[in-house]
Protein backbone atom coordinates (compact mmCIF):
# COMPACT_ATOMS: atom_id res chain seq x y z
CA MET A 1 10.01 145.20 24.29
CA GLU A 2 8.88 142.08 22.67
CA GLN A 3 6.99 142.97 18.95
CA ILE A 4 4.06 142.05 19.00
CA THR A 5 2.66 140.99 15.60
CA ILE A 6 -1.04 140.47 14.10
CA LYS A 7 -2.04 139.22 10.96
CA GLY A 8 -5.21 139.96 8.77
CA LYS A 9 -7.94 141.07 6.04
CA ILE A 10 -9.23 144.20 5.37
CA GLU A 11 -12.51 144.13 3.38
CA PHE A 12 -13.92 146.76 1.19
CA CYS A 13 -17.33 147.07 1.41
CA GLU A 14 -18.45 149.58 -1.35
CA ASP A 15 -18.32 147.30 -5.30
CA TYR A 16 -16.13 149.86 -6.57
CA GLN A 17 -13.38 149.66 -3.41
CA LYS A 18 -13.70 145.45 -3.21
CA GLU A 19 -10.35 144.79 -5.12
CA TYR A 20 -8.85 147.58 -2.49
CA SER A 21 -9.25 144.13 -0.25
CA ARG A 22 -6.51 142.91 1.13
CA GLU A 23 -4.59 141.26 4.05
CA PHE A 24 -2.13 142.48 6.13
CA THR A 25 0.20 142.13 8.77
CA ALA A 26 0.55 144.85 11.88
CA THR A 27 3.58 144.97 14.57
CA LEU A 28 3.84 147.02 17.55
CA SER A 29 7.27 147.43 18.41
CA GLU A 30 10.23 149.62 20.13
CA SER A 31 10.71 152.27 18.22
CA ALA A 32 14.14 152.38 16.34
CA ALA A 33 14.06 155.99 16.01
CA PHE A 34 13.89 158.04 19.69
CA SER A 35 14.17 156.65 23.08
CA TYR A 36 11.56 158.93 24.66
CA GLY A 37 7.56 158.51 25.04
CA ASN A 38 6.46 155.15 25.30
CA ARG A 39 9.05 154.34 22.70
CA THR A 40 7.01 152.07 20.42
CA SER A 41 5.73 152.42 16.44
CA VAL A 42 3.32 150.08 14.35
CA TYR A 43 4.66 148.78 11.17
CA ILE A 44 2.17 147.83 8.47
CA GLU A 45 3.27 145.49 5.66
CA PHE A 46 0.17 145.32 3.31
CA GLY A 47 -0.33 142.27 0.99
CA THR A 48 -1.22 142.17 -2.95
CA MET A 49 -5.06 143.07 -3.55
CA GLY A 50 -7.48 142.04 -5.79
CA ASN A 51 -6.03 143.89 -9.24
CA GLY A 52 -2.21 143.25 -8.60
CA LYS A 53 -0.58 145.75 -6.40
CA ALA A 54 0.74 146.31 -3.09
CA PRO A 55 0.33 149.51 -1.16
CA TYR A 56 3.55 151.02 0.80
CA PRO A 57 3.93 149.57 3.90
CA VAL A 58 2.69 152.13 6.72
CA LEU A 59 5.30 153.41 9.43
CA LEU A 60 3.25 155.13 12.21
CA ASP A 61 5.38 157.02 15.29
CA THR A 62 2.73 156.03 18.36
CA ARG A 63 5.40 156.77 21.02
CA TYR A 64 2.78 159.98 22.45
CA ASP A 65 -0.06 157.81 21.57
CA ARG A 66 -1.48 157.13 25.58
CA THR A 67 -4.33 154.51 23.84
CA ILE A 68 -1.34 151.94 22.79
CA ARG A 69 -0.83 149.09 24.71
CA ARG A 70 1.89 146.83 24.65
CA ASN A 71 0.16 143.71 24.85
CA GLU A 72 -1.76 141.39 22.42
CA ILE A 73 -5.50 141.31 23.16
CA ASP A 74 -5.21 146.06 23.59
CA PHE A 75 -2.96 146.17 20.71
CA LYS A 76 -5.67 144.27 18.06
CA LYS A 77 -8.61 146.87 19.86
CA TRP A 78 -5.98 149.62 18.50
CA VAL A 79 -5.43 148.50 15.07
CA GLN A 80 -9.80 147.89 15.03
CA ARG A 81 -9.62 152.24 15.79
CA TYR A 82 -6.78 152.99 13.29
CA PHE A 83 -8.66 151.42 10.50
CA GLU A 84 -11.75 152.61 11.55
CA GLU A 85 -10.88 155.41 11.87
CA ASN A 86 -8.48 155.79 8.19
CA TYR A 87 -10.18 153.97 5.56
CA SER A 88 -14.19 153.43 4.56
CA LYS A 89 -16.21 151.14 5.08
CA HIS A 90 -15.08 147.96 5.05
CA ILE A 91 -15.04 144.67 7.27
CA LEU A 92 -11.53 143.87 9.45
CA VAL A 93 -10.63 140.38 10.14
CA ILE A 94 -8.05 139.38 13.00
CA TYR A 95 -6.76 136.13 12.83
């Protein structure tokens, strides 16, 4: 499987969270740890936030996620849904 990589930025809407806005790189790849399920994993690496710190990267085991597809268009939709479900009110920009 070829990796699919997208870049973007999450910009938080609330004033008290704006300092946590940051760029990110999300990569869909074949899981190095498992050879069953759909064999995928997603790695999200974050850039430096407005407060000068960078959050830890996120490694997601997606081998049983039936919504993830191995193409760029569907992966972008998956990333948008992930951020919507896991982060507070924001604007997501995908480059």
